[in-house]
Amino acid sequence: MTGNRALLMNFVEKFLGTVRFGNNDFAVIDGYGDVVIGSMTIKKVYYVEDGVDLLTGDRSSNLYTIALNEVASNSSSCPLAKASSSQSWLWHQRLSHLNFATINNLVKNNLVQGLPKMKFEKDHLCSACEQGKIHRKHHKSKTVFASNKPLYLLHMDLCGPMRVQSINGKRYVLVVVDDYSRYTWVFFLHSKDEASDVIM
């Protein structure tokens, strides 16, 4: 295929349809002819008047070198195939439930090796994502305190038996906190039944 009419010998002007380029542009095939390069003839080369040069190469020492990073394009968009629903959700889960806009951004900028070049779309809600976004309502903070003097309200916690006993052989701990002053007492006990004696 060429856009240079002067290269074609034995040109036949005939509409042969359209050709689609890699950047999603279309061009009309206006005919075909033969291209003679030295002693070699390439037959039936299509002539496309409004084409896009996708690759340009230089010939040096009988070797063509092509710079692939200099590919021309009329538009900045790149067509992507649409991923199937199961493939979209598989990659959504593989990427730790990443949102689909970010996954598409990773594809567009080629940031993840092995991620297929497809457009990922969300077609239903992800139950794991939904559950992860649920949060409990906070308890209302008290504006009026229940205790207005020391030793009016005490909070107690009896822990044990502990795996490792203290130096005195005690395996239980009784913690008492005064609600008003936040003063704390800690008692080490041999058994749970000693707690009533300490409290009284």
N, C-alpha and C. Protein backbone atom coordinates (compact mmCIF):
# COMPACT_ATOMS: atom_id res chain seq x y z
N MET A 1 0.85 -1.16 0.00
CA MET A 1 0.00 0.00 0.00
C MET A 1 0.90 1.23 0.00
N THR A 2 0.54 2.19 -0.81
CA THR A 2 1.32 3.42 -0.90
C THR A 2 0.39 4.60 -1.13
N GLY A 3 0.87 5.75 -0.75
CA GLY A 3 0.13 6.98 -1.01
C GLY A 3 0.78 7.79 -2.13
N ASN A 4 1.88 7.27 -2.70
CA ASN A 4 2.61 7.95 -3.77
C ASN A 4 2.23 7.34 -5.11
N ARG A 5 1.40 8.06 -5.88
CA ARG A 5 0.89 7.58 -7.18
C ARG A 5 2.02 7.41 -8.20
N ALA A 6 3.08 8.19 -8.09
CA ALA A 6 4.18 8.17 -9.06
C ALA A 6 4.97 6.86 -9.00
N LEU A 7 4.92 6.14 -7.89
CA LEU A 7 5.64 4.87 -7.77
C LEU A 7 4.97 3.73 -8.52
N LEU A 8 3.69 3.87 -8.83
CA LEU A 8 2.91 2.76 -9.39
C LEU A 8 3.00 2.70 -10.91
N MET A 9 3.36 1.54 -11.45
CA MET A 9 3.37 1.27 -12.90
C MET A 9 2.12 0.43 -13.20
N ASN A 10 1.62 0.51 -14.44
CA ASN A 10 0.43 -0.25 -14.86
C ASN A 10 -0.74 -0.01 -13.90
N PHE A 11 -0.97 1.25 -13.56
CA PHE A 11 -1.99 1.59 -12.57
C PHE A 11 -3.40 1.31 -13.10
N VAL A 12 -4.22 0.66 -12.28
CA VAL A 12 -5.62 0.39 -12.60
C VAL A 12 -6.45 1.17 -11.59
N GLU A 13 -7.23 2.15 -12.08
CA GLU A 13 -8.07 2.96 -11.19
C GLU A 13 -9.37 2.21 -10.94
N LYS A 14 -9.56 1.80 -9.70
CA LYS A 14 -10.72 0.99 -9.36
C LYS A 14 -10.97 1.10 -7.86
N PHE A 15 -12.24 1.28 -7.45
CA PHE A 15 -12.58 1.33 -6.03
C PHE A 15 -12.56 -0.09 -5.48
N LEU A 16 -11.71 -0.32 -4.49
CA LEU A 16 -11.56 -1.65 -3.90
C LEU A 16 -11.98 -1.70 -2.44
N GLY A 17 -12.69 -0.70 -1.98
CA GLY A 17 -13.14 -0.67 -0.58
C GLY A 17 -12.32 0.30 0.25
N THR A 18 -12.26 0.02 1.53
CA THR A 18 -11.53 0.89 2.46
C THR A 18 -10.52 0.06 3.24
N VAL A 19 -9.58 0.75 3.81
CA VAL A 19 -8.59 0.12 4.69
C VAL A 19 -8.63 0.84 6.03
N ARG A 20 -8.49 0.07 7.10
CA ARG A 20 -8.51 0.65 8.44
C ARG A 20 -7.10 0.60 9.00
N PHE A 21 -6.65 1.72 9.56
CA PHE A 21 -5.32 1.82 10.13
C PHE A 21 -5.35 1.47 11.61
N GLY A 22 -4.17 1.30 12.19
CA GLY A 22 -4.06 0.94 13.60
C GLY A 22 -4.59 1.99 14.55
N ASN A 23 -4.68 3.24 14.10
CA ASN A 23 -5.20 4.30 14.96
C ASN A 23 -6.69 4.53 14.73
N ASN A 24 -7.36 3.57 14.08
CA ASN A 24 -8.81 3.58 13.85
C ASN A 24 -9.24 4.54 12.75
N ASP A 25 -8.33 5.08 11.96
CA ASP A 25 -8.68 5.92 10.81
C ASP A 25 -8.97 5.04 9.60
N PHE A 26 -9.83 5.54 8.69
CA PHE A 26 -10.15 4.82 7.45
C PHE A 26 -9.62 5.60 6.26
N ALA A 27 -9.30 4.87 5.18
CA ALA A 27 -8.91 5.50 3.92
C ALA A 27 -9.46 4.65 2.78
N VAL A 28 -9.77 5.31 1.66
CA VAL A 28 -10.35 4.64 0.49
C VAL A 28 -9.22 4.12 -0.39
N ILE A 29 -9.35 2.86 -0.85
CA ILE A 29 -8.39 2.28 -1.80
C ILE A 29 -8.87 2.66 -3.20
N ASP A 30 -8.12 3.54 -3.90
CA ASP A 30 -8.54 4.08 -5.20
C ASP A 30 -8.08 3.23 -6.39
N GLY A 31 -7.23 2.25 -6.17
CA GLY A 31 -6.75 1.42 -7.28
C GLY A 31 -5.53 0.65 -6.87
N TYR A 32 -4.87 0.05 -7.88
CA TYR A 32 -3.66 -0.71 -7.59
C TYR A 32 -2.73 -0.67 -8.80
N GLY A 33 -1.49 -1.03 -8.56
CA GLY A 33 -0.48 -1.06 -9.62
C GLY A 33 0.74 -1.82 -9.17
N ASP A 34 1.78 -1.80 -9.99
CA ASP A 34 3.02 -2.51 -9.67
C ASP A 34 4.09 -1.50 -9.28
N VAL A 35 4.88 -1.84 -8.28
CA VAL A 35 5.98 -1.00 -7.84
C VAL A 35 7.28 -1.70 -8.20
N VAL A 36 8.16 -0.98 -8.92
CA VAL A 36 9.45 -1.53 -9.32
C VAL A 36 10.52 -0.89 -8.46
N ILE A 37 11.26 -1.73 -7.71
CA ILE A 37 12.36 -1.26 -6.88
C ILE A 37 13.60 -2.01 -7.34
N GLY A 38 14.44 -1.35 -8.11
CA GLY A 38 15.64 -2.00 -8.67
C GLY A 38 15.23 -3.10 -9.63
N SER A 39 15.67 -4.32 -9.37
CA SER A 39 15.33 -5.45 -10.24
C SER A 39 14.11 -6.21 -9.72
N MET A 40 13.52 -5.73 -8.63
CA MET A 40 12.39 -6.42 -8.02
C MET A 40 11.08 -5.70 -8.33
N THR A 41 10.03 -6.45 -8.61
CA THR A 41 8.70 -5.89 -8.88
C THR A 41 7.71 -6.43 -7.86
N ILE A 42 7.00 -5.52 -7.21
CA ILE A 42 5.93 -5.91 -6.28
C ILE A 42 4.62 -5.66 -6.99
N LYS A 43 3.82 -6.71 -7.17
CA LYS A 43 2.58 -6.61 -7.93
C LYS A 43 1.41 -6.29 -7.01
N LYS A 44 0.39 -5.66 -7.61
CA LYS A 44 -0.89 -5.33 -6.96
C LYS A 44 -0.69 -4.58 -5.64
N VAL A 45 0.02 -3.47 -5.69
CA VAL A 45 0.19 -2.60 -4.53
C VAL A 45 -0.97 -1.62 -4.53
N TYR A 46 -1.71 -1.56 -3.42
CA TYR A 46 -2.88 -0.66 -3.34
C TYR A 46 -2.43 0.79 -3.28
N TYR A 47 -3.26 1.65 -3.91
CA TYR A 47 -3.02 3.10 -3.86
C TYR A 47 -4.07 3.72 -2.95
N VAL A 48 -3.62 4.36 -1.89
CA VAL A 48 -4.49 5.04 -0.92
C VAL A 48 -4.07 6.49 -0.90
N GLU A 49 -4.98 7.37 -1.36
CA GLU A 49 -4.61 8.78 -1.52
C GLU A 49 -4.43 9.48 -0.18
N ASP A 50 -5.39 9.32 0.72
CA ASP A 50 -5.34 10.04 2.00
C ASP A 50 -4.90 9.10 3.12
N GLY A 51 -3.77 8.49 2.97
CA GLY A 51 -3.30 7.53 3.96
C GLY A 51 -2.54 8.20 5.08
N VAL A 52 -2.12 7.39 6.02
CA VAL A 52 -1.32 7.85 7.15
C VAL A 52 -0.03 7.05 7.14
N ASP A 53 1.11 7.72 7.18
CA ASP A 53 2.39 7.02 7.26
C ASP A 53 2.52 6.44 8.66
N LEU A 54 2.39 5.13 8.75
CA LEU A 54 2.51 4.49 10.06
C LEU A 54 3.96 4.27 10.43
N LEU A 55 4.78 3.87 9.47
CA LEU A 55 6.19 3.61 9.73
C LEU A 55 7.04 4.21 8.63
N THR A 56 8.16 4.79 8.99
CA THR A 56 9.12 5.30 8.03
C THR A 56 10.47 4.72 8.40
N GLY A 57 11.14 4.12 7.40
CA GLY A 57 12.42 3.50 7.69
C GLY A 57 13.51 4.00 6.77
N ASP A 58 14.74 3.89 7.21
CA ASP A 58 15.92 4.26 6.42
C ASP A 58 16.66 3.00 6.03
N ARG A 59 17.16 3.00 4.78
CA ARG A 59 17.92 1.84 4.33
C ARG A 59 19.40 2.20 4.34
N SER A 60 20.15 1.46 5.12
CA SER A 60 21.59 1.65 5.15
C SER A 60 22.24 0.28 5.20
N SER A 61 23.21 0.07 4.33
CA SER A 61 23.93 -1.21 4.17
C SER A 61 22.97 -2.39 4.02
N ASN A 62 21.98 -2.21 3.09
CA ASN A 62 21.01 -3.26 2.75
C ASN A 62 20.16 -3.72 3.94
N LEU A 63 19.97 -2.83 4.91
CA LEU A 63 19.15 -3.15 6.07
C LEU A 63 18.25 -1.96 6.38
N TYR A 64 16.96 -2.20 6.47
CA TYR A 64 16.02 -1.14 6.84
C TYR A 64 15.94 -1.04 8.35
N THR A 65 16.08 0.17 8.86
CA THR A 65 15.91 0.40 10.30
C THR A 65 14.66 1.24 10.49
N ILE A 66 13.83 0.82 11.41
CA ILE A 66 12.55 1.50 11.65
C ILE A 66 12.51 1.93 13.11
N ALA A 67 12.22 3.22 13.34
CA ALA A 67 12.06 3.74 14.70
C ALA A 67 10.60 3.57 15.10
N LEU A 68 10.31 2.58 15.93
CA LEU A 68 8.93 2.28 16.30
C LEU A 68 8.32 3.31 17.24
N ASN A 69 9.14 4.12 17.89
CA ASN A 69 8.59 5.14 18.78
C ASN A 69 8.13 6.38 18.03
N GLU A 70 8.33 6.43 16.72
CA GLU A 70 7.92 7.58 15.92
C GLU A 70 6.76 7.22 15.01
N VAL A 71 5.76 6.56 15.54
CA VAL A 71 4.58 6.16 14.76
C VAL A 71 3.63 7.34 14.67
N ALA A 72 3.23 7.68 13.43
CA ALA A 72 2.35 8.83 13.22
C ALA A 72 0.91 8.46 13.53
N SER A 73 0.13 9.46 13.93
CA SER A 73 -1.28 9.22 14.23
C SER A 73 -2.06 10.50 14.02
N ASN A 74 -3.29 10.37 13.49
CA ASN A 74 -4.15 11.54 13.32
C ASN A 74 -4.94 11.84 14.58
N SER A 75 -5.10 10.85 15.44
CA SER A 75 -5.86 11.07 16.67
C SER A 75 -5.05 10.53 17.84
N SER A 76 -5.32 11.08 19.02
CA SER A 76 -4.58 10.66 20.20
C SER A 76 -5.22 9.46 20.89
N SER A 77 -6.35 8.98 20.37
CA SER A 77 -7.02 7.86 21.01
C SER A 77 -6.48 6.54 20.49
N CYS A 78 -6.58 5.54 21.32
CA CYS A 78 -6.13 4.20 20.95
C CYS A 78 -7.30 3.25 21.18
N PRO A 79 -7.76 2.54 20.16
CA PRO A 79 -8.91 1.67 20.36
C PRO A 79 -8.55 0.47 21.22
N LEU A 80 -9.43 0.14 22.16
CA LEU A 80 -9.22 -1.01 23.03
C LEU A 80 -10.42 -1.93 22.92
N ALA A 81 -10.18 -3.21 22.95
CA ALA A 81 -11.27 -4.17 22.98
C ALA A 81 -11.93 -4.10 24.35
N LYS A 82 -13.22 -4.41 24.38
CA LYS A 82 -13.93 -4.39 25.65
C LYS A 82 -13.74 -5.74 26.33
N ALA A 83 -13.32 -5.71 27.59
CA ALA A 83 -13.09 -6.94 28.33
C ALA A 83 -14.42 -7.58 28.69
N SER A 84 -14.45 -8.90 28.74
CA SER A 84 -15.68 -9.59 29.14
C SER A 84 -15.93 -9.32 30.62
N SER A 85 -17.18 -9.54 31.03
CA SER A 85 -17.56 -9.26 32.41
C SER A 85 -16.72 -10.08 33.39
N SER A 86 -16.54 -11.37 33.09
CA SER A 86 -15.77 -12.23 34.01
C SER A 86 -14.31 -11.79 34.07
N GLN A 87 -13.76 -11.35 32.93
CA GLN A 87 -12.36 -10.90 32.91
C GLN A 87 -12.21 -9.59 33.68
N SER A 88 -13.20 -8.70 33.55
CA SER A 88 -13.17 -7.42 34.28
C SER A 88 -13.14 -7.67 35.78
N TRP A 89 -14.02 -8.56 36.25
CA TRP A 89 -14.11 -8.81 37.69
C TRP A 89 -12.91 -9.59 38.20
N LEU A 90 -12.34 -10.45 37.36
CA LEU A 90 -11.13 -11.18 37.75
C LEU A 90 -9.98 -10.21 38.02
N TRP A 91 -9.78 -9.24 37.11
CA TRP A 91 -8.71 -8.26 37.30
C TRP A 91 -9.03 -7.30 38.42
N HIS A 92 -10.31 -6.99 38.62
CA HIS A 92 -10.73 -6.14 39.74
C HIS A 92 -10.31 -6.80 41.06
N GLN A 93 -10.52 -8.12 41.19
CA GLN A 93 -10.15 -8.84 42.40
C GLN A 93 -8.64 -9.02 42.51
N ARG A 94 -7.98 -9.31 41.39
CA ARG A 94 -6.52 -9.49 41.41
C ARG A 94 -5.79 -8.23 41.85
N LEU A 95 -6.36 -7.08 41.52
CA LEU A 95 -5.73 -5.80 41.86
C LEU A 95 -6.31 -5.24 43.15
N SER A 96 -6.70 -6.11 44.08
CA SER A 96 -7.19 -5.74 45.42
C SER A 96 -8.40 -4.82 45.37
N HIS A 97 -9.36 -5.18 44.50
CA HIS A 97 -10.63 -4.46 44.37
C HIS A 97 -10.41 -2.99 44.01
N LEU A 98 -9.48 -2.75 43.09
CA LEU A 98 -9.20 -1.41 42.57
C LEU A 98 -10.37 -0.95 41.71
N ASN A 99 -10.71 0.35 41.77
CA ASN A 99 -11.86 0.81 40.97
C ASN A 99 -11.52 0.76 39.48
N PHE A 100 -12.58 0.68 38.66
CA PHE A 100 -12.40 0.41 37.23
C PHE A 100 -11.76 1.59 36.49
N ALA A 101 -12.00 2.81 36.93
CA ALA A 101 -11.37 3.97 36.28
C ALA A 101 -9.85 3.90 36.43
N THR A 102 -9.39 3.49 37.60
CA THR A 102 -7.95 3.37 37.84
C THR A 102 -7.36 2.21 37.04
N ILE A 103 -8.10 1.09 36.93
CA ILE A 103 -7.62 -0.04 36.13
C ILE A 103 -7.46 0.39 34.67
N ASN A 104 -8.46 1.13 34.15
CA ASN A 104 -8.38 1.61 32.76
C ASN A 104 -7.22 2.59 32.59
N ASN A 105 -6.93 3.37 33.62
CA ASN A 105 -5.79 4.30 33.57
C ASN A 105 -4.47 3.52 33.53
N LEU A 106 -4.40 2.42 34.28
CA LEU A 106 -3.21 1.57 34.26
C LEU A 106 -2.99 0.98 32.87
N VAL A 107 -4.09 0.56 32.21
CA VAL A 107 -4.00 0.00 30.86
C VAL A 107 -3.56 1.07 29.88
N LYS A 108 -4.19 2.25 29.97
CA LYS A 108 -3.91 3.35 29.03
C LYS A 108 -2.44 3.77 29.08
N ASN A 109 -1.89 3.84 30.29
CA ASN A 109 -0.50 4.29 30.45
C ASN A 109 0.50 3.14 30.49
N ASN A 110 0.01 1.90 30.28
CA ASN A 110 0.86 0.71 30.24
C ASN A 110 1.73 0.61 31.50
N LEU A 111 1.08 0.73 32.68
CA LEU A 111 1.81 0.75 33.94
C LEU A 111 1.94 -0.62 34.60
N VAL A 112 1.11 -1.59 34.18
CA VAL A 112 1.15 -2.92 34.79
C VAL A 112 1.50 -3.95 33.72
N GLN A 113 2.56 -4.67 33.95
CA GLN A 113 2.99 -5.69 32.99
C GLN A 113 2.07 -6.90 33.12
N GLY A 114 1.53 -7.38 31.99
CA GLY A 114 0.65 -8.54 31.99
C GLY A 114 -0.83 -8.19 32.01
N LEU A 115 -1.17 -6.94 32.27
CA LEU A 115 -2.58 -6.51 32.27
C LEU A 115 -3.03 -6.38 30.82
N PRO A 116 -4.10 -7.11 30.42
CA PRO A 116 -4.51 -7.08 29.01
C PRO A 116 -4.96 -5.69 28.57
N LYS A 117 -4.67 -5.35 27.31
CA LYS A 117 -5.02 -4.04 26.76
C LYS A 117 -6.49 -4.04 26.37
N MET A 118 -7.34 -3.88 27.36
CA MET A 118 -8.79 -3.89 27.15
C MET A 118 -9.43 -2.81 27.99
N LYS A 119 -10.66 -2.48 27.62
CA LYS A 119 -11.43 -1.51 28.41
C LYS A 119 -12.24 -2.29 29.43
N PHE A 120 -12.02 -1.99 30.70
CA PHE A 120 -12.70 -2.69 31.78
C PHE A 120 -13.91 -1.87 32.22
N GLU A 121 -15.06 -2.54 32.31
CA GLU A 121 -16.31 -1.86 32.70
C GLU A 121 -16.96 -2.59 33.85
N LYS A 122 -17.61 -1.79 34.70
CA LYS A 122 -18.31 -2.32 35.87
C LYS A 122 -19.77 -2.53 35.49
N ASP A 123 -20.24 -3.79 35.53
CA ASP A 123 -21.62 -4.05 35.13
C ASP A 123 -22.53 -4.41 36.31
N HIS A 124 -21.96 -4.61 37.49
CA HIS A 124 -22.75 -4.82 38.70
C HIS A 124 -21.90 -4.44 39.91
N LEU A 125 -22.53 -4.42 41.09
CA LEU A 125 -21.82 -4.03 42.31
C LEU A 125 -21.02 -5.20 42.85
N CYS A 126 -19.85 -4.90 43.36
CA CYS A 126 -18.99 -5.92 43.98
C CYS A 126 -19.38 -6.02 45.46
N SER A 127 -19.80 -7.19 45.89
CA SER A 127 -20.27 -7.35 47.28
C SER A 127 -19.15 -7.09 48.28
N ALA A 128 -17.92 -7.50 47.95
CA ALA A 128 -16.79 -7.28 48.86
C ALA A 128 -16.48 -5.79 49.01
N CYS A 129 -16.55 -5.04 47.89
CA CYS A 129 -16.30 -3.59 47.94
C CYS A 129 -17.40 -2.90 48.74
N GLU A 130 -18.64 -3.36 48.51
CA GLU A 130 -19.78 -2.76 49.21
C GLU A 130 -19.65 -2.97 50.72
N GLN A 131 -19.28 -4.19 51.11
CA GLN A 131 -19.14 -4.51 52.52
C GLN A 131 -17.97 -3.74 53.14
N GLY A 132 -16.91 -3.54 52.36
CA GLY A 132 -15.76 -2.80 52.87
C GLY A 132 -16.03 -1.33 53.10
N LYS A 133 -17.04 -0.79 52.40
CA LYS A 133 -17.36 0.63 52.55
C LYS A 133 -18.38 0.89 53.66
N ILE A 134 -18.98 -0.18 54.18
CA ILE A 134 -19.96 -0.02 55.27
C ILE A 134 -19.20 0.30 56.55
N HIS A 135 -19.69 1.25 57.30
CA HIS A 135 -19.08 1.56 58.59
C HIS A 135 -20.17 1.77 59.63
N ARG A 136 -19.84 1.45 60.86
CA ARG A 136 -20.80 1.60 61.94
C ARG A 136 -20.91 3.06 62.33
N LYS A 137 -22.10 3.42 62.81
CA LYS A 137 -22.29 4.78 63.31
C LYS A 137 -21.51 4.93 64.61
N HIS A 138 -20.94 6.08 64.79
CA HIS A 138 -20.21 6.35 66.02
C HIS A 138 -21.18 6.53 67.17
N HIS A 139 -20.75 6.11 68.35
CA HIS A 139 -21.56 6.36 69.54
C HIS A 139 -21.50 7.85 69.85
N LYS A 140 -22.63 8.36 70.29
CA LYS A 140 -22.65 9.78 70.66
C LYS A 140 -21.79 9.98 71.90
N SER A 141 -20.96 10.99 71.86
CA SER A 141 -20.14 11.27 73.03
C SER A 141 -21.01 11.91 74.11
N LYS A 142 -20.72 11.53 75.34
CA LYS A 142 -21.53 12.03 76.46
C LYS A 142 -21.19 13.49 76.73
N THR A 143 -22.23 14.30 76.83
CA THR A 143 -22.02 15.71 77.18
C THR A 143 -22.07 15.89 78.69
N VAL A 144 -22.85 15.03 79.37
CA VAL A 144 -22.95 15.09 80.84
C VAL A 144 -22.32 13.82 81.39
N PHE A 145 -21.37 13.97 82.28
CA PHE A 145 -20.70 12.81 82.85
C PHE A 145 -21.58 12.16 83.90
N ALA A 146 -21.50 10.82 83.98
CA ALA A 146 -22.33 10.07 84.93
C ALA A 146 -21.86 10.30 86.37
N SER A 147 -20.59 10.54 86.54
CA SER A 147 -20.08 10.74 87.91
C SER A 147 -19.70 12.21 88.11
N ASN A 148 -20.05 12.73 89.27
CA ASN A 148 -19.73 14.13 89.58
C ASN A 148 -18.84 14.27 90.80
N LYS A 149 -18.36 13.13 91.35
CA LYS A 149 -17.43 13.16 92.49
C LYS A 149 -16.60 11.88 92.47
N PRO A 150 -15.43 11.89 93.12
CA PRO A 150 -14.57 10.70 93.13
C PRO A 150 -15.26 9.51 93.82
N LEU A 151 -14.96 8.32 93.34
CA LEU A 151 -15.46 7.05 93.85
C LEU A 151 -16.97 6.87 93.72
N TYR A 152 -17.63 7.71 92.91
CA TYR A 152 -19.07 7.57 92.69
C TYR A 152 -19.34 6.45 91.69
N LEU A 153 -18.48 6.35 90.63
CA LEU A 153 -18.62 5.31 89.61
C LEU A 153 -17.24 4.70 89.34
N LEU A 154 -17.15 3.38 89.54
CA LEU A 154 -15.89 2.66 89.33
C LEU A 154 -16.06 1.64 88.20
N HIS A 155 -15.05 1.53 87.36
CA HIS A 155 -15.02 0.52 86.30
C HIS A 155 -14.01 -0.54 86.72
N MET A 156 -14.44 -1.83 86.66
CA MET A 156 -13.56 -2.91 87.11
C MET A 156 -13.43 -3.96 86.02
N ASP A 157 -12.21 -4.53 85.96
CA ASP A 157 -11.95 -5.58 84.98
C ASP A 157 -11.08 -6.64 85.65
N LEU A 158 -11.57 -7.89 85.63
CA LEU A 158 -10.83 -9.00 86.22
C LEU A 158 -10.30 -9.87 85.08
N CYS A 159 -8.97 -9.95 84.96
CA CYS A 159 -8.34 -10.69 83.86
C CYS A 159 -7.64 -11.92 84.41
N GLY A 160 -7.64 -13.00 83.61
CA GLY A 160 -6.86 -14.16 84.00
C GLY A 160 -7.59 -15.45 83.69
N PRO A 161 -6.95 -16.56 83.87
CA PRO A 161 -5.58 -16.74 84.35
C PRO A 161 -4.56 -16.41 83.27
N MET A 162 -3.48 -15.77 83.65
CA MET A 162 -2.40 -15.43 82.73
C MET A 162 -1.52 -16.66 82.52
N ARG A 163 -0.93 -16.79 81.34
CA ARG A 163 -0.06 -17.94 81.05
C ARG A 163 1.18 -17.94 81.95
N VAL A 164 1.72 -16.74 82.17
CA VAL A 164 2.93 -16.63 82.99
C VAL A 164 2.53 -15.99 84.32
N GLN A 165 2.86 -16.65 85.41
CA GLN A 165 2.49 -16.09 86.72
C GLN A 165 3.55 -15.09 87.20
N SER A 166 3.14 -14.23 88.13
CA SER A 166 4.06 -13.22 88.67
C SER A 166 5.08 -13.89 89.59
N ILE A 167 5.98 -13.10 90.14
CA ILE A 167 7.02 -13.63 91.04
C ILE A 167 6.38 -14.28 92.26
N ASN A 168 5.27 -13.71 92.74
CA ASN A 168 4.58 -14.23 93.92
C ASN A 168 3.63 -15.38 93.58
N GLY A 169 3.58 -15.80 92.30
CA GLY A 169 2.72 -16.91 91.90
C GLY A 169 1.28 -16.49 91.62
N LYS A 170 1.04 -15.21 91.37
CA LYS A 170 -0.33 -14.72 91.12
C LYS A 170 -0.59 -14.70 89.61
N ARG A 171 -1.80 -15.22 89.22
CA ARG A 171 -2.13 -15.35 87.80
C ARG A 171 -3.33 -14.50 87.39
N TYR A 172 -3.95 -13.77 88.28
CA TYR A 172 -5.12 -12.94 87.97
C TYR A 172 -4.81 -11.48 88.27
N VAL A 173 -5.45 -10.58 87.50
CA VAL A 173 -5.24 -9.14 87.68
C VAL A 173 -6.60 -8.47 87.78
N LEU A 174 -6.81 -7.64 88.80
CA LEU A 174 -8.02 -6.84 88.95
C LEU A 174 -7.64 -5.38 88.75
N VAL A 175 -8.27 -4.74 87.74
CA VAL A 175 -8.00 -3.33 87.45
C VAL A 175 -9.25 -2.54 87.81
N VAL A 176 -9.09 -1.49 88.63
CA VAL A 176 -10.21 -0.63 89.04
C VAL A 176 -9.88 0.79 88.62
N VAL A 177 -10.83 1.44 87.87
CA VAL A 177 -10.62 2.81 87.38
C VAL A 177 -11.75 3.68 87.89
N ASP A 178 -11.39 4.82 88.52
CA ASP A 178 -12.39 5.79 88.98
C ASP A 178 -12.81 6.63 87.78
N ASP A 179 -14.13 6.68 87.49
CA ASP A 179 -14.64 7.38 86.32
C ASP A 179 -14.39 8.88 86.39
N TYR A 180 -14.46 9.47 87.57
CA TYR A 180 -14.33 10.92 87.71
C TYR A 180 -12.87 11.36 87.61
N SER A 181 -11.98 10.74 88.36
CA SER A 181 -10.58 11.20 88.42
C SER A 181 -9.65 10.40 87.50
N ARG A 182 -10.13 9.26 86.99
CA ARG A 182 -9.33 8.34 86.18
C ARG A 182 -8.17 7.73 86.99
N TYR A 183 -8.29 7.79 88.29
CA TYR A 183 -7.29 7.15 89.15
C TYR A 183 -7.46 5.64 88.99
N THR A 184 -6.33 4.91 88.92
CA THR A 184 -6.37 3.48 88.63
C THR A 184 -5.65 2.68 89.71
N TRP A 185 -6.30 1.57 90.12
CA TRP A 185 -5.69 0.62 91.05
C TRP A 185 -5.51 -0.71 90.32
N VAL A 186 -4.39 -1.37 90.55
CA VAL A 186 -4.14 -2.69 89.96
C VAL A 186 -3.81 -3.65 91.10
N PHE A 187 -4.58 -4.76 91.18
CA PHE A 187 -4.39 -5.77 92.22
C PHE A 187 -4.05 -7.11 91.56
N PHE A 188 -3.02 -7.77 92.06
CA PHE A 188 -2.64 -9.10 91.58
C PHE A 188 -3.20 -10.14 92.54
N LEU A 189 -3.87 -11.18 92.01
CA LEU A 189 -4.58 -12.16 92.83
C LEU A 189 -4.15 -13.58 92.48
N HIS A 190 -4.25 -14.48 93.50
CA HIS A 190 -3.98 -15.90 93.27
C HIS A 190 -5.15 -16.57 92.55
N SER A 191 -6.38 -16.17 92.92
CA SER A 191 -7.58 -16.76 92.32
C SER A 191 -8.67 -15.70 92.19
N LYS A 192 -9.71 -16.02 91.41
CA LYS A 192 -10.79 -15.06 91.17
C LYS A 192 -11.57 -14.75 92.44
N ASP A 193 -11.71 -15.70 93.31
CA ASP A 193 -12.54 -15.47 94.51
C ASP A 193 -11.92 -14.46 95.47
N GLU A 194 -10.66 -14.10 95.29
CA GLU A 194 -10.04 -13.06 96.12
C GLU A 194 -10.53 -11.67 95.73
N ALA A 195 -11.17 -11.51 94.54
CA ALA A 195 -11.60 -10.20 94.05
C ALA A 195 -12.61 -9.55 94.98
N SER A 196 -13.55 -10.33 95.53
CA SER A 196 -14.58 -9.75 96.41
C SER A 196 -13.97 -9.18 97.68
N ASP A 197 -12.92 -9.83 98.21
CA ASP A 197 -12.26 -9.32 99.42
C ASP A 197 -11.55 -7.99 99.13
N VAL A 198 -10.95 -7.87 97.94
CA VAL A 198 -10.23 -6.64 97.58
C VAL A 198 -11.21 -5.50 97.39
N ILE A 199 -12.35 -5.77 96.74
CA ILE A 199 -13.33 -4.71 96.45
C ILE A 199 -13.99 -4.22 97.73
N MET A 200 -14.31 -5.10 98.65
CA MET A 200 -14.99 -4.70 99.89
C MET A 200 -14.00 -4.02 100.77
